[in-house]
Amino acid sequence: MSLKKSFYRARIALEGLKGNTGMVPPESMVFIGNGDFLQIGREFRNHLIDLAGLLPDSRVLDVGCGIGRMAIPLTEYLTTKGEYAGVDIVEKGILWCTSRITPKFPNFRFVHSDIHNKMYNRRGKTLARNYRFPYADGHFDVVFLTSVFTHMLPADLENYMREIARVLKKGGRCLMTFLLRNDESVKLIDAGACTGAMAITHHVEAAAWTSDPEKPEAATAYEERYVVELCERTGLRIDRPIRYGSWCGRGEFLSFQDIVVVAKT
């Protein structure tokens, strides 16, 4: 870790979210994600610093920003020279972030994208497989997506991967989470180590699997080999060892989902 990042990590540890806790949304508005709102945000902020090389003056894109779970902790890390852009399909979350976060931090901006999604935006007019991120080529140092590809089918995933490669600058990194099927996770699933939505045993299409064939977007897992090949095909290379999560019945790991970090070649 660089001295610059170490300094800011130390400042965060000392200050926490001093002065910004008033921006935390009420529980009734948190429409996705479980666990402590701020704690999870802090954990993934640290992953961005440690694994994706996020610096205080980076330009960062948060795809699926929700209601600011990541944006709020990042207000304590990014300086005014940095830039945060958040996009999401749920309009109420974007409106909340725009009214509560942007006035205090003008370099934090949010955009509503009217993408159709059976779970969160049924009336959306644009298909995810046709969506284009509203940003210029090579604009961002870091892109991240948490719990986005776990709710997408292959055509949508492939389009998003192409768009990530387009908006990343050369050498920029993307941190994303998956439910990856590999020898270990398949054995744990078959042995009944996980239940409910994580018991992903139904093949959907291509290399995608789900626990509910009637609602595959509720929890979608992908063959690890397919994800690696897709990254390479879109001009992205695996930049760090994959950090496997506990979703399939493993013990406590770095996170619940699997974390994949890629760099633009």
C-alpha atoms as a PDB file:
ATOM      1  CA  MET A   1       0.000   0.000   0.000  1.00  0.00           C
ATOM      2  CA  SER A   2       1.327   3.456  -0.907  1.00  0.00           C
ATOM      3  CA  LEU A   3       2.063   6.069   1.756  1.00  0.00           C
ATOM      4  CA  LYS A   4      -0.709   8.224   0.294  1.00  0.00           C
ATOM      5  CA  LYS A   5      -3.287   5.452   0.733  1.00  0.00           C
ATOM      6  CA  SER A   6      -1.911   4.526   4.160  1.00  0.00           C
ATOM      7  CA  PHE A   7      -2.324   8.104   5.360  1.00  0.00           C
ATOM      8  CA  TYR A   8      -5.934   8.267   4.317  1.00  0.00           C
ATOM      9  CA  ARG A   9      -6.713   4.802   5.706  1.00  0.00           C
ATOM     10  CA  ALA A  10      -5.313   5.974   9.051  1.00  0.00           C
ATOM     11  CA  ARG A  11      -7.415   9.142   8.897  1.00  0.00           C
ATOM     12  CA  ILE A  12     -10.537   7.089   8.200  1.00  0.00           C
ATOM     13  CA  ALA A  13      -9.782   4.783  11.133  1.00  0.00           C
ATOM     14  CA  LEU A  14      -9.453   7.764  13.477  1.00  0.00           C
ATOM     15  CA  GLU A  15     -12.387   9.822  12.214  1.00  0.00           C
ATOM     16  CA  GLY A  16     -14.853   7.146  11.145  1.00  0.00           C
ATOM     17  CA  LEU A  17     -17.768   8.848   9.452  1.00  0.00           C
ATOM     18  CA  LYS A  18     -17.633  11.940  11.625  1.00  0.00           C
ATOM     19  CA  GLY A  19     -20.205  14.477  10.494  1.00  0.00           C
ATOM     20  CA  ASN A  20     -21.652  12.259   7.769  1.00  0.00           C
ATOM     21  CA  THR A  21     -23.777   9.804   9.726  1.00  0.00           C
ATOM     22  CA  GLY A  22     -26.733  12.161   9.261  1.00  0.00           C
ATOM     23  CA  MET A  23     -26.706  11.162   5.603  1.00  0.00           C
ATOM     24  CA  VAL A  24     -27.476   7.520   6.363  1.00  0.00           C
ATOM     25  CA  PRO A  25     -30.914   6.671   4.896  1.00  0.00           C
ATOM     26  CA  PRO A  26     -33.715   5.334   7.089  1.00  0.00           C
ATOM     27  CA  GLU A  27     -33.940   1.550   7.221  1.00  0.00           C
ATOM     28  CA  SER A  28     -37.263   1.618   5.362  1.00  0.00           C
ATOM     29  CA  MET A  29     -35.506   3.053   2.294  1.00  0.00           C
ATOM     30  CA  VAL A  30     -32.714   0.470   2.083  1.00  0.00           C
ATOM     31  CA  PHE A  31     -34.227  -1.631  -0.697  1.00  0.00           C
ATOM     32  CA  ILE A  32     -31.382  -4.085  -1.250  1.00  0.00           C
ATOM     33  CA  GLY A  33     -28.616  -5.651   0.816  1.00  0.00           C
ATOM     34  CA  ASN A  34     -28.484  -7.073   4.329  1.00  0.00           C
ATOM     35  CA  GLY A  35     -26.282  -6.376   7.315  1.00  0.00           C
ATOM     36  CA  ASP A  36     -25.066  -3.149   8.881  1.00  0.00           C
ATOM     37  CA  PHE A  37     -25.386  -0.386   6.270  1.00  0.00           C
ATOM     38  CA  LEU A  38     -22.248   1.574   7.188  1.00  0.00           C
ATOM     39  CA  GLN A  39     -20.100  -1.406   8.144  1.00  0.00           C
ATOM     40  CA  ILE A  40     -20.580  -3.101   4.774  1.00  0.00           C
ATOM     41  CA  GLY A  41     -19.915   0.183   2.989  1.00  0.00           C
ATOM     42  CA  ARG A  42     -16.685   0.680   4.931  1.00  0.00           C
ATOM     43  CA  GLU A  43     -15.535  -2.872   4.226  1.00  0.00           C
ATOM     44  CA  PHE A  44     -15.971  -2.494   0.477  1.00  0.00           C
ATOM     45  CA  ARG A  45     -14.383   0.951   0.528  1.00  0.00           C
ATOM     46  CA  ASN A  46     -11.311  -0.690   2.032  1.00  0.00           C
ATOM     47  CA  HIS A  47     -11.409  -3.414  -0.645  1.00  0.00           C
ATOM     48  CA  LEU A  48     -11.379  -0.685  -3.292  1.00  0.00           C
ATOM     49  CA  ILE A  49      -8.304   0.873  -1.688  1.00  0.00           C
ATOM     50  CA  ASP A  50      -6.414  -2.360  -1.041  1.00  0.00           C
ATOM     51  CA  LEU A  51      -7.406  -4.443  -4.072  1.00  0.00           C
ATOM     52  CA  ALA A  52      -8.374  -1.949  -6.777  1.00  0.00           C
ATOM     53  CA  GLY A  53      -5.804   0.751  -6.002  1.00  0.00           C
ATOM     54  CA  LEU A  54      -8.333   3.519  -5.336  1.00  0.00           C
ATOM     55  CA  LEU A  55      -6.597   6.813  -4.491  1.00  0.00           C
ATOM     56  CA  PRO A  56      -8.063   9.953  -2.889  1.00  0.00           C
ATOM     57  CA  ASP A  57      -8.002  11.759  -6.241  1.00  0.00           C
ATOM     58  CA  SER A  58      -9.361   8.885  -8.360  1.00  0.00           C
ATOM     59  CA  ARG A  59     -12.310   9.038 -10.693  1.00  0.00           C
ATOM     60  CA  VAL A  60     -14.616   6.215  -9.631  1.00  0.00           C
ATOM     61  CA  LEU A  61     -17.819   4.761 -11.096  1.00  0.00           C
ATOM     62  CA  ASP A  62     -20.267   2.893  -8.842  1.00  0.00           C
ATOM     63  CA  VAL A  63     -22.576   0.774 -11.035  1.00  0.00           C
ATOM     64  CA  GLY A  64     -25.653  -0.126  -9.000  1.00  0.00           C
ATOM     65  CA  CYS A  65     -25.051   2.543  -6.366  1.00  0.00           C
ATOM     66  CA  GLY A  66     -28.393   1.949  -4.649  1.00  0.00           C
ATOM     67  CA  ILE A  67     -29.036   4.440  -1.886  1.00  0.00           C
ATOM     68  CA  GLY A  68     -25.445   5.405  -1.164  1.00  0.00           C
ATOM     69  CA  ARG A  69     -24.077   2.444   0.748  1.00  0.00           C
ATOM     70  CA  MET A  70     -20.691   2.950  -0.901  1.00  0.00           C
ATOM     71  CA  ALA A  71     -20.936   6.652  -1.657  1.00  0.00           C
ATOM     72  CA  ILE A  72     -21.283   7.699   1.987  1.00  0.00           C
ATOM     73  CA  PRO A  73     -18.057   6.018   3.213  1.00  0.00           C
ATOM     74  CA  LEU A  74     -16.241   7.277   0.125  1.00  0.00           C
ATOM     75  CA  THR A  75     -17.041  10.885   1.068  1.00  0.00           C
ATOM     76  CA  GLU A  76     -14.467  10.385   3.854  1.00  0.00           C
ATOM     77  CA  TYR A  77     -11.806   9.169   1.429  1.00  0.00           C
ATOM     78  CA  LEU A  78     -12.066  10.982  -1.893  1.00  0.00           C
ATOM     79  CA  THR A  79     -10.784  14.550  -1.910  1.00  0.00           C
ATOM     80  CA  THR A  80     -12.263  17.369  -3.965  1.00  0.00           C
ATOM     81  CA  LYS A  81      -9.794  16.393  -6.709  1.00  0.00           C
ATOM     82  CA  GLY A  82     -11.480  13.002  -6.909  1.00  0.00           C
ATOM     83  CA  GLU A  83     -14.770  12.244  -8.604  1.00  0.00           C
ATOM     84  CA  TYR A  84     -17.574   9.828  -7.759  1.00  0.00           C
ATOM     85  CA  ALA A  85     -20.302   8.843 -10.227  1.00  0.00           C
ATOM     86  CA  GLY A  86     -23.150   6.560  -9.189  1.00  0.00           C
ATOM     87  CA  VAL A  87     -25.772   5.000 -11.477  1.00  0.00           C
ATOM     88  CA  ASP A  88     -28.761   2.903 -10.488  1.00  0.00           C
ATOM     89  CA  ILE A  89     -32.087   1.677 -11.853  1.00  0.00           C
ATOM     90  CA  VAL A  90     -34.134   2.514  -8.733  1.00  0.00           C
ATOM     91  CA  GLU A  91     -35.151   6.147  -8.974  1.00  0.00           C
ATOM     92  CA  LYS A  92     -36.018   6.702  -5.303  1.00  0.00           C
ATOM     93  CA  GLY A  93     -32.471   5.803  -4.300  1.00  0.00           C
ATOM     94  CA  ILE A  94     -30.971   8.226  -6.819  1.00  0.00           C
ATOM     95  CA  LEU A  95     -33.291  11.015  -5.698  1.00  0.00           C
ATOM     96  CA  TRP A  96     -32.312  10.466  -2.054  1.00  0.00           C
ATOM     97  CA  CYS A  97     -28.576  10.520  -2.870  1.00  0.00           C
ATOM     98  CA  THR A  98     -28.911  13.603  -5.048  1.00  0.00           C
ATOM     99  CA  SER A  99     -30.758  15.515  -2.337  1.00  0.00           C
ATOM    100  CA  ARG A 100     -28.669  14.375   0.674  1.00  0.00           C
ATOM    101  CA  ILE A 101     -25.132  13.682  -0.562  1.00  0.00           C
ATOM    102  CA  THR A 102     -24.488  15.927  -3.577  1.00  0.00           C
ATOM    103  CA  PRO A 103     -25.246  19.245  -1.779  1.00  0.00           C
ATOM    104  CA  LYS A 104     -22.466  18.493   0.742  1.00  0.00           C
ATOM    105  CA  PHE A 105     -20.142  16.863  -1.773  1.00  0.00           C
ATOM    106  CA  PRO A 106     -20.568  18.400  -5.260  1.00  0.00           C
ATOM    107  CA  ASN A 107     -18.039  15.970  -6.764  1.00  0.00           C
ATOM    108  CA  PHE A 108     -20.459  13.117  -5.918  1.00  0.00           C
ATOM    109  CA  ARG A 109     -23.075  12.849  -8.662  1.00  0.00           C
ATOM    110  CA  PHE A 110     -25.841  10.339  -9.273  1.00  0.00           C
ATOM    111  CA  VAL A 111     -27.732   9.272 -12.393  1.00  0.00           C
ATOM    112  CA  HIS A 112     -30.957   7.282 -12.723  1.00  0.00           C
ATOM    113  CA  SER A 113     -30.873   4.791 -15.604  1.00  0.00           C
ATOM    114  CA  ASP A 114     -34.302   3.476 -16.573  1.00  0.00           C
ATOM    115  CA  ILE A 115     -33.252  -0.139 -17.138  1.00  0.00           C
ATOM    116  CA  HIS A 116     -35.827  -2.913 -17.066  1.00  0.00           C
ATOM    117  CA  ASN A 117     -35.374  -5.367 -14.208  1.00  0.00           C
ATOM    118  CA  LYS A 118     -37.942  -7.906 -13.014  1.00  0.00           C
ATOM    119  CA  MET A 119     -36.911  -7.439  -9.395  1.00  0.00           C
ATOM    120  CA  TYR A 120     -36.365  -3.675  -9.032  1.00  0.00           C
ATOM    121  CA  ASN A 121     -37.654  -1.764 -12.071  1.00  0.00           C
ATOM    122  CA  ARG A 122     -40.343  -3.686 -13.946  1.00  0.00           C
ATOM    123  CA  ARG A 123     -41.407  -0.659 -15.993  1.00  0.00           C
ATOM    124  CA  GLY A 124     -37.902   0.183 -17.149  1.00  0.00           C
ATOM    125  CA  LYS A 125     -37.716   1.047 -20.849  1.00  0.00           C
ATOM    126  CA  THR A 126     -34.130  -0.018 -21.648  1.00  0.00           C
ATOM    127  CA  LEU A 127     -32.816  -3.584 -21.665  1.00  0.00           C
ATOM    128  CA  ALA A 128     -29.580  -4.057 -19.755  1.00  0.00           C
ATOM    129  CA  ARG A 129     -28.081  -5.781 -22.799  1.00  0.00           C
ATOM    130  CA  ASN A 130     -28.541  -2.547 -24.775  1.00  0.00           C
ATOM    131  CA  TYR A 131     -27.564  -0.058 -22.064  1.00  0.00           C
ATOM    132  CA  ARG A 132     -24.630   2.292 -22.542  1.00  0.00           C
ATOM    133  CA  PHE A 133     -22.999   3.903 -19.511  1.00  0.00           C
ATOM    134  CA  PRO A 134     -23.526   7.693 -19.777  1.00  0.00           C
ATOM    135  CA  TYR A 135     -19.796   8.467 -19.589  1.00  0.00           C
ATOM    136  CA  ALA A 136     -16.937   9.054 -22.022  1.00  0.00           C
ATOM    137  CA  ASP A 137     -14.415   6.435 -23.089  1.00  0.00           C
ATOM    138  CA  GLY A 138     -11.469   6.009 -20.713  1.00  0.00           C
ATOM    139  CA  HIS A 139     -12.899   8.379 -18.099  1.00  0.00           C
ATOM    140  CA  PHE A 140     -12.534   6.351 -14.876  1.00  0.00           C
ATOM    141  CA  ASP A 141      -9.605   5.084 -12.827  1.00  0.00           C
ATOM    142  CA  VAL A 142     -11.758   2.600 -10.914  1.00  0.00           C
ATOM    143  CA  VAL A 143     -15.143   0.998 -11.608  1.00  0.00           C
ATOM    144  CA  PHE A 144     -16.921  -1.248  -9.133  1.00  0.00           C
ATOM    145  CA  LEU A 145     -20.091  -3.325  -9.029  1.00  0.00           C
ATOM    146  CA  THR A 146     -21.341  -5.080  -5.898  1.00  0.00           C
ATOM    147  CA  SER A 147     -24.290  -7.491  -6.128  1.00  0.00           C
ATOM    148  CA  VAL A 148     -25.004  -6.520  -9.740  1.00  0.00           C
ATOM    149  CA  PHE A 149     -23.741  -9.515 -11.720  1.00  0.00           C
ATOM    150  CA  THR A 150     -25.419 -11.828  -9.219  1.00  0.00           C
ATOM    151  CA  HIS A 151     -28.746 -10.637 -10.669  1.00  0.00           C
ATOM    152  CA  MET A 152     -27.958 -10.631 -14.412  1.00  0.00           C
ATOM    153  CA  LEU A 153     -28.326 -13.076 -17.293  1.00  0.00           C
ATOM    154  CA  PRO A 154     -25.489 -13.642 -19.806  1.00  0.00           C
ATOM    155  CA  ALA A 155     -26.417 -11.138 -22.546  1.00  0.00           C
ATOM    156  CA  ASP A 156     -26.709  -8.361 -19.941  1.00  0.00           C
ATOM    157  CA  LEU A 157     -23.468  -9.370 -18.232  1.00  0.00           C
ATOM    158  CA  GLU A 158     -21.551  -9.387 -21.521  1.00  0.00           C
ATOM    159  CA  ASN A 159     -22.771  -5.909 -22.458  1.00  0.00           C
ATOM    160  CA  TYR A 160     -21.832  -4.494 -19.042  1.00  0.00           C
ATOM    161  CA  MET A 161     -18.352  -6.014 -19.303  1.00  0.00           C
ATOM    162  CA  ARG A 162     -17.837  -4.310 -22.661  1.00  0.00           C
ATOM    163  CA  GLU A 163     -19.024  -1.019 -21.172  1.00  0.00           C
ATOM    164  CA  ILE A 164     -16.692  -1.371 -18.185  1.00  0.00           C
ATOM    165  CA  ALA A 165     -13.765  -1.845 -20.543  1.00  0.00           C
ATOM    166  CA  ARG A 166     -14.886   1.179 -22.568  1.00  0.00           C
ATOM    167  CA  VAL A 167     -15.122   3.684 -19.686  1.00  0.00           C
ATOM    168  CA  LEU A 168     -11.983   2.513 -17.851  1.00  0.00           C
ATOM    169  CA  LYS A 169      -8.732   4.241 -18.680  1.00  0.00           C
ATOM    170  CA  LYS A 170      -5.806   2.046 -19.697  1.00  0.00           C
ATOM    171  CA  GLY A 171      -4.476   0.356 -16.580  1.00  0.00           C
ATOM    172  CA  GLY A 172      -7.632   1.215 -14.634  1.00  0.00           C
ATOM    173  CA  ARG A 173      -9.188  -1.456 -12.445  1.00  0.00           C
ATOM    174  CA  CYS A 174     -12.657  -2.836 -11.840  1.00  0.00           C
ATOM    175  CA  LEU A 175     -13.754  -4.625  -8.664  1.00  0.00           C
ATOM    176  CA  MET A 176     -16.878  -6.755  -9.051  1.00  0.00           C
ATOM    177  CA  THR A 177     -18.617  -9.473  -7.094  1.00  0.00           C
ATOM    178  CA  PHE A 178     -19.915 -12.802  -8.379  1.00  0.00           C
ATOM    179  CA  LEU A 179     -21.244 -16.145  -7.256  1.00  0.00           C
ATOM    180  CA  LEU A 180     -18.678 -18.336  -9.004  1.00  0.00           C
ATOM    181  CA  ARG A 181     -19.185 -22.014  -9.728  1.00  0.00           C
ATOM    182  CA  ASN A 182     -15.936 -23.959  -9.532  1.00  0.00           C
ATOM    183  CA  ASP A 183     -14.950 -27.381  -8.222  1.00  0.00           C
ATOM    184  CA  GLU A 184     -15.034 -26.288  -4.593  1.00  0.00           C
ATOM    185  CA  SER A 185     -18.311 -24.356  -4.644  1.00  0.00           C
ATOM    186  CA  VAL A 186     -20.115 -27.063  -6.656  1.00  0.00           C
ATOM    187  CA  LYS A 187     -19.044 -29.738  -4.166  1.00  0.00           C
ATOM    188  CA  LEU A 188     -20.291 -27.627  -1.257  1.00  0.00           C
ATOM    189  CA  ILE A 189     -23.617 -26.954  -2.992  1.00  0.00           C
ATOM    190  CA  ASP A 190     -24.096 -30.647  -3.841  1.00  0.00           C
ATOM    191  CA  ALA A 191     -23.286 -31.559  -0.237  1.00  0.00           C
ATOM    192  CA  GLY A 192     -26.018 -29.217   1.047  1.00  0.00           C
ATOM    193  CA  ALA A 193     -23.622 -26.769   2.693  1.00  0.00           C
ATOM    194  CA  CYS A 194     -25.838 -23.895   1.587  1.00  0.00           C
ATOM    195  CA  THR A 195     -29.616 -23.593   1.444  1.00  0.00           C
ATOM    196  CA  GLY A 196     -32.324 -21.282   0.138  1.00  0.00           C
ATOM    197  CA  ALA A 197     -31.344 -18.778  -2.538  1.00  0.00           C
ATOM    198  CA  MET A 198     -27.712 -19.918  -2.427  1.00  0.00           C
ATOM    199  CA  ALA A 199     -28.536 -23.533  -3.316  1.00  0.00           C
ATOM    200  CA  ILE A 200     -27.856 -22.775  -6.975  1.00  0.00           C
ATOM    201  CA  THR A 201     -28.501 -26.014  -8.870  1.00  0.00           C
ATOM    202  CA  HIS A 202     -30.586 -25.072 -11.940  1.00  0.00           C
ATOM    203  CA  HIS A 203     -28.876 -24.382 -15.268  1.00  0.00           C
ATOM    204  CA  VAL A 204     -30.332 -21.321 -16.994  1.00  0.00           C
ATOM    205  CA  GLU A 205     -28.345 -20.666 -20.166  1.00  0.00           C
ATOM    206  CA  ALA A 206     -24.739 -20.539 -21.329  1.00  0.00           C
ATOM    207  CA  ALA A 207     -22.673 -20.691 -18.111  1.00  0.00           C
ATOM    208  CA  ALA A 208     -25.380 -19.248 -15.839  1.00  0.00           C
ATOM    209  CA  TRP A 209     -27.095 -21.069 -12.958  1.00  0.00           C
ATOM    210  CA  THR A 210     -29.814 -20.154 -10.471  1.00  0.00           C
ATOM    211  CA  SER A 211     -31.690 -21.438  -7.440  1.00  0.00           C
ATOM    212  CA  ASP A 212     -35.095 -20.448  -8.893  1.00  0.00           C
ATOM    213  CA  PRO A 213     -35.689 -21.066 -12.618  1.00  0.00           C
ATOM    214  CA  GLU A 214     -38.861 -18.967 -12.422  1.00  0.00           C
ATOM    215  CA  LYS A 215     -36.878 -15.941 -11.206  1.00  0.00           C
ATOM    216  CA  PRO A 216     -33.277 -16.546 -12.280  1.00  0.00           C
ATOM    217  CA  GLU A 217     -32.279 -12.910 -11.697  1.00  0.00           C
ATOM    218  CA  ALA A 218     -32.967 -13.326  -7.971  1.00  0.00           C
ATOM    219  CA  ALA A 219     -29.626 -15.142  -7.600  1.00  0.00           C
ATOM    220  CA  THR A 220     -27.433 -15.901 -10.606  1.00  0.00           C
ATOM    221  CA  ALA A 221     -24.158 -17.801 -10.452  1.00  0.00           C
ATOM    222  CA  TYR A 222     -21.624 -18.155 -13.268  1.00  0.00           C
ATOM    223  CA  GLU A 223     -19.007 -20.734 -14.181  1.00  0.00           C
ATOM    224  CA  GLU A 224     -15.677 -19.266 -13.124  1.00  0.00           C
ATOM    225  CA  ARG A 225     -13.979 -20.271 -16.378  1.00  0.00           C
ATOM    226  CA  TYR A 226     -16.635 -18.364 -18.342  1.00  0.00           C
ATOM    227  CA  VAL A 227     -16.089 -15.179 -16.295  1.00  0.00           C
ATOM    228  CA  VAL A 228     -12.321 -15.363 -16.794  1.00  0.00           C
ATOM    229  CA  GLU A 229     -12.733 -15.929 -20.539  1.00  0.00           C
ATOM    230  CA  LEU A 230     -15.261 -13.077 -20.816  1.00  0.00           C
ATOM    231  CA  CYS A 231     -12.858 -10.685 -19.087  1.00  0.00           C
ATOM    232  CA  GLU A 232     -10.081 -11.576 -21.503  1.00  0.00           C
ATOM    233  CA  ARG A 233     -12.413 -11.268 -24.496  1.00  0.00           C
ATOM    234  CA  THR A 234     -13.435  -7.736 -23.529  1.00  0.00           C
ATOM    235  CA  GLY A 235      -9.900  -6.438 -22.917  1.00  0.00           C
ATOM    236  CA  LEU A 236      -9.758  -6.983 -19.163  1.00  0.00           C
ATOM    237  CA  ARG A 237      -7.336  -9.255 -17.319  1.00  0.00           C
ATOM    238  CA  ILE A 238      -7.633 -10.769 -13.861  1.00  0.00           C
ATOM    239  CA  ASP A 239      -5.375  -8.478 -11.830  1.00  0.00           C
ATOM    240  CA  ARG A 240      -5.508 -10.081  -8.386  1.00  0.00           C
ATOM    241  CA  PRO A 241      -6.115 -13.623  -7.139  1.00  0.00           C
ATOM    242  CA  ILE A 242      -9.885 -14.160  -6.916  1.00  0.00           C
ATOM    243  CA  ARG A 243     -11.049 -13.723  -3.318  1.00  0.00           C
ATOM    244  CA  TYR A 244     -13.625 -16.435  -2.734  1.00  0.00           C
ATOM    245  CA  GLY A 245     -16.564 -15.703  -0.449  1.00  0.00           C
ATOM    246  CA  SER A 246     -18.625 -17.704   2.009  1.00  0.00           C
ATOM    247  CA  TRP A 247     -21.887 -17.761  -0.021  1.00  0.00           C
ATOM    248  CA  CYS A 248     -21.668 -21.470  -0.890  1.00  0.00           C
ATOM    249  CA  GLY A 249     -20.942 -22.713   2.616  1.00  0.00           C
ATOM    250  CA  ARG A 250     -17.258 -21.924   2.987  1.00  0.00           C
ATOM    251  CA  GLY A 251     -16.086 -20.650   6.361  1.00  0.00           C
ATOM    252  CA  GLU A 252     -15.826 -16.900   6.978  1.00  0.00           C
ATOM    253  CA  PHE A 253     -13.907 -15.304   4.154  1.00  0.00           C
ATOM    254  CA  LEU A 254     -13.138 -11.758   3.034  1.00  0.00           C
ATOM    255  CA  SER A 255     -16.737 -11.246   1.949  1.00  0.00           C
ATOM    256  CA  PHE A 256     -19.976 -13.111   1.321  1.00  0.00           C
ATOM    257  CA  GLN A 257     -19.700 -13.030  -2.481  1.00  0.00           C
ATOM    258  CA  ASP A 258     -16.612 -13.773  -4.560  1.00  0.00           C
ATOM    259  CA  ILE A 259     -14.499 -10.706  -5.416  1.00  0.00           C
ATOM    260  CA  VAL A 260     -12.913 -10.416  -8.856  1.00  0.00           C
ATOM    261  CA  VAL A 261     -10.524  -7.559  -9.707  1.00  0.00           C
ATOM    262  CA  VAL A 262      -9.575  -6.886 -13.326  1.00  0.00           C
ATOM    263  CA  ALA A 263      -7.406  -4.300 -15.080  1.00  0.00           C
ATOM    264  CA  LYS A 264      -7.859  -2.807 -18.537  1.00  0.00           C
ATOM    265  CA  THR A 265      -5.114  -4.012 -20.854  1.00  0.00           C
END
